[in-house]
């Protein structure tokens, strides 16, 4: 089963993601889906209190494994 996630992202990040998607020849939604799915294998997010002010701090720890190859069929590339 596939879930839908709507997110807000700043203009600079969106521009860079679109450039990456264009280079690989897949649409941005599919590329972002695979980025997020791959992150969940060994990536971690830590959160805690922010001593300097009200709010929280967040640390994103990216996976430290060798990248896996994702194979997409022509039908998947269209979706």
C-alpha atoms as a PDB file:
ATOM      1  CA  UNK A   1       0.000   0.000   0.000  1.00  0.00           C
ATOM      2  CA  UNK A   2       1.209   3.517  -0.769  1.00  0.00           C
ATOM      3  CA  UNK A   3       0.399   6.549   1.374  1.00  0.00           C
ATOM      4  CA  UNK A   4       0.218  10.157   0.178  1.00  0.00           C
ATOM      5  CA  UNK A   5       2.170  12.866   1.994  1.00  0.00           C
ATOM      6  CA  UNK A   6       1.794  16.569   1.248  1.00  0.00           C
ATOM      7  CA  UNK A   7       4.725  18.703   2.405  1.00  0.00           C
ATOM      8  CA  UNK A   8       5.783  22.323   2.175  1.00  0.00           C
ATOM      9  CA  UNK A   9       9.309  22.995   0.953  1.00  0.00           C
ATOM     10  CA  UNK A  10      11.151  26.248   0.320  1.00  0.00           C
ATOM     11  CA  UNK A  11      11.737  27.504  -3.217  1.00  0.00           C
ATOM     12  CA  UNK A  12      15.505  26.860  -3.271  1.00  0.00           C
ATOM     13  CA  UNK A  13      15.155  23.254  -2.143  1.00  0.00           C
ATOM     14  CA  UNK A  14      12.337  22.661  -4.649  1.00  0.00           C
ATOM     15  CA  UNK A  15      14.460  24.078  -7.471  1.00  0.00           C
ATOM     16  CA  UNK A  16      17.347  21.752  -6.573  1.00  0.00           C
ATOM     17  CA  UNK A  17      15.037  18.738  -6.308  1.00  0.00           C
ATOM     18  CA  UNK A  18      13.506  19.524  -9.711  1.00  0.00           C
ATOM     19  CA  UNK A  19      16.992  19.753 -11.242  1.00  0.00           C
ATOM     20  CA  UNK A  20      17.896  16.348  -9.762  1.00  0.00           C
ATOM     21  CA  UNK A  21      14.663  14.809 -11.041  1.00  0.00           C
ATOM     22  CA  UNK A  22      15.204  16.251 -14.516  1.00  0.00           C
ATOM     23  CA  UNK A  23      18.766  14.855 -14.611  1.00  0.00           C
ATOM     24  CA  UNK A  24      17.547  11.358 -13.741  1.00  0.00           C
ATOM     25  CA  UNK A  25      14.530  11.529 -16.052  1.00  0.00           C
ATOM     26  CA  UNK A  26      11.884  10.826 -13.414  1.00  0.00           C
ATOM     27  CA  UNK A  27       9.188  13.060 -12.011  1.00  0.00           C
ATOM     28  CA  UNK A  28       9.886  14.897  -8.782  1.00  0.00           C
ATOM     29  CA  UNK A  29       7.175  13.096  -6.791  1.00  0.00           C
ATOM     30  CA  UNK A  30       8.608   9.665  -7.558  1.00  0.00           C
ATOM     31  CA  UNK A  31      12.152  10.829  -6.829  1.00  0.00           C
ATOM     32  CA  UNK A  32      11.140  12.300  -3.455  1.00  0.00           C
ATOM     33  CA  UNK A  33       9.246   9.111  -2.643  1.00  0.00           C
ATOM     34  CA  UNK A  34      12.392   7.028  -3.170  1.00  0.00           C
ATOM     35  CA  UNK A  35      14.568   9.467  -1.216  1.00  0.00           C
ATOM     36  CA  UNK A  36      12.237   9.276   1.792  1.00  0.00           C
ATOM     37  CA  UNK A  37      11.824   5.496   1.562  1.00  0.00           C
ATOM     38  CA  UNK A  38      15.600   4.973   1.428  1.00  0.00           C
ATOM     39  CA  UNK A  39      16.112   7.288   4.402  1.00  0.00           C
ATOM     40  CA  UNK A  40      13.908   5.083   6.579  1.00  0.00           C
ATOM     41  CA  UNK A  41      16.283   2.092   6.315  1.00  0.00           C
ATOM     42  CA  UNK A  42      19.024   3.520   8.542  1.00  0.00           C
ATOM     43  CA  UNK A  43      18.356   7.232   8.829  1.00  0.00           C
ATOM     44  CA  UNK A  44      17.458   8.721  12.196  1.00  0.00           C
ATOM     45  CA  UNK A  45      15.943  11.966  13.456  1.00  0.00           C
ATOM     46  CA  UNK A  46      16.696  13.188  16.960  1.00  0.00           C
ATOM     47  CA  UNK A  47      14.836  15.952  18.755  1.00  0.00           C
ATOM     48  CA  UNK A  48      15.261  17.685  22.060  1.00  0.00           C
ATOM     49  CA  UNK A  49      14.849  20.889  23.963  1.00  0.00           C
ATOM     50  CA  UNK A  50      16.592  23.974  22.686  1.00  0.00           C
ATOM     51  CA  UNK A  51      18.327  25.595  25.651  1.00  0.00           C
ATOM     52  CA  UNK A  52      18.868  28.943  23.895  1.00  0.00           C
ATOM     53  CA  UNK A  53      15.172  29.675  23.500  1.00  0.00           C
ATOM     54  CA  UNK A  54      11.674  28.284  23.339  1.00  0.00           C
ATOM     55  CA  UNK A  55      11.268  25.468  20.867  1.00  0.00           C
ATOM     56  CA  UNK A  56      13.037  22.262  19.862  1.00  0.00           C
ATOM     57  CA  UNK A  57      16.189  21.365  18.016  1.00  0.00           C
ATOM     58  CA  UNK A  58      16.287  18.618  15.424  1.00  0.00           C
ATOM     59  CA  UNK A  59      19.286  16.603  14.215  1.00  0.00           C
ATOM     60  CA  UNK A  60      18.963  14.580  11.024  1.00  0.00           C
ATOM     61  CA  UNK A  61      21.359  11.621  10.834  1.00  0.00           C
ATOM     62  CA  UNK A  62      21.542  10.314   7.280  1.00  0.00           C
ATOM     63  CA  UNK A  63      22.073   6.587   6.563  1.00  0.00           C
ATOM     64  CA  UNK A  64      25.662   5.403   6.590  1.00  0.00           C
ATOM     65  CA  UNK A  65      25.285   2.429   4.264  1.00  0.00           C
ATOM     66  CA  UNK A  66      26.169   1.949   0.627  1.00  0.00           C
ATOM     67  CA  UNK A  67      23.381   3.167  -1.592  1.00  0.00           C
ATOM     68  CA  UNK A  68      21.056   0.579  -3.041  1.00  0.00           C
ATOM     69  CA  UNK A  69      20.115   0.566  -6.713  1.00  0.00           C
ATOM     70  CA  UNK A  70      16.432   1.208  -7.372  1.00  0.00           C
ATOM     71  CA  UNK A  71      15.118  -0.285 -10.617  1.00  0.00           C
ATOM     72  CA  UNK A  72      12.077   1.379 -12.200  1.00  0.00           C
ATOM     73  CA  UNK A  73      10.071  -0.008 -15.106  1.00  0.00           C
ATOM     74  CA  UNK A  74       8.853   2.261 -17.893  1.00  0.00           C
ATOM     75  CA  UNK A  75       5.357   2.071 -16.390  1.00  0.00           C
ATOM     76  CA  UNK A  76       6.702   3.233 -13.015  1.00  0.00           C
ATOM     77  CA  UNK A  77       8.538   6.110 -14.662  1.00  0.00           C
ATOM     78  CA  UNK A  78       5.265   7.401 -16.093  1.00  0.00           C
ATOM     79  CA  UNK A  79       3.471   7.305 -12.729  1.00  0.00           C
END
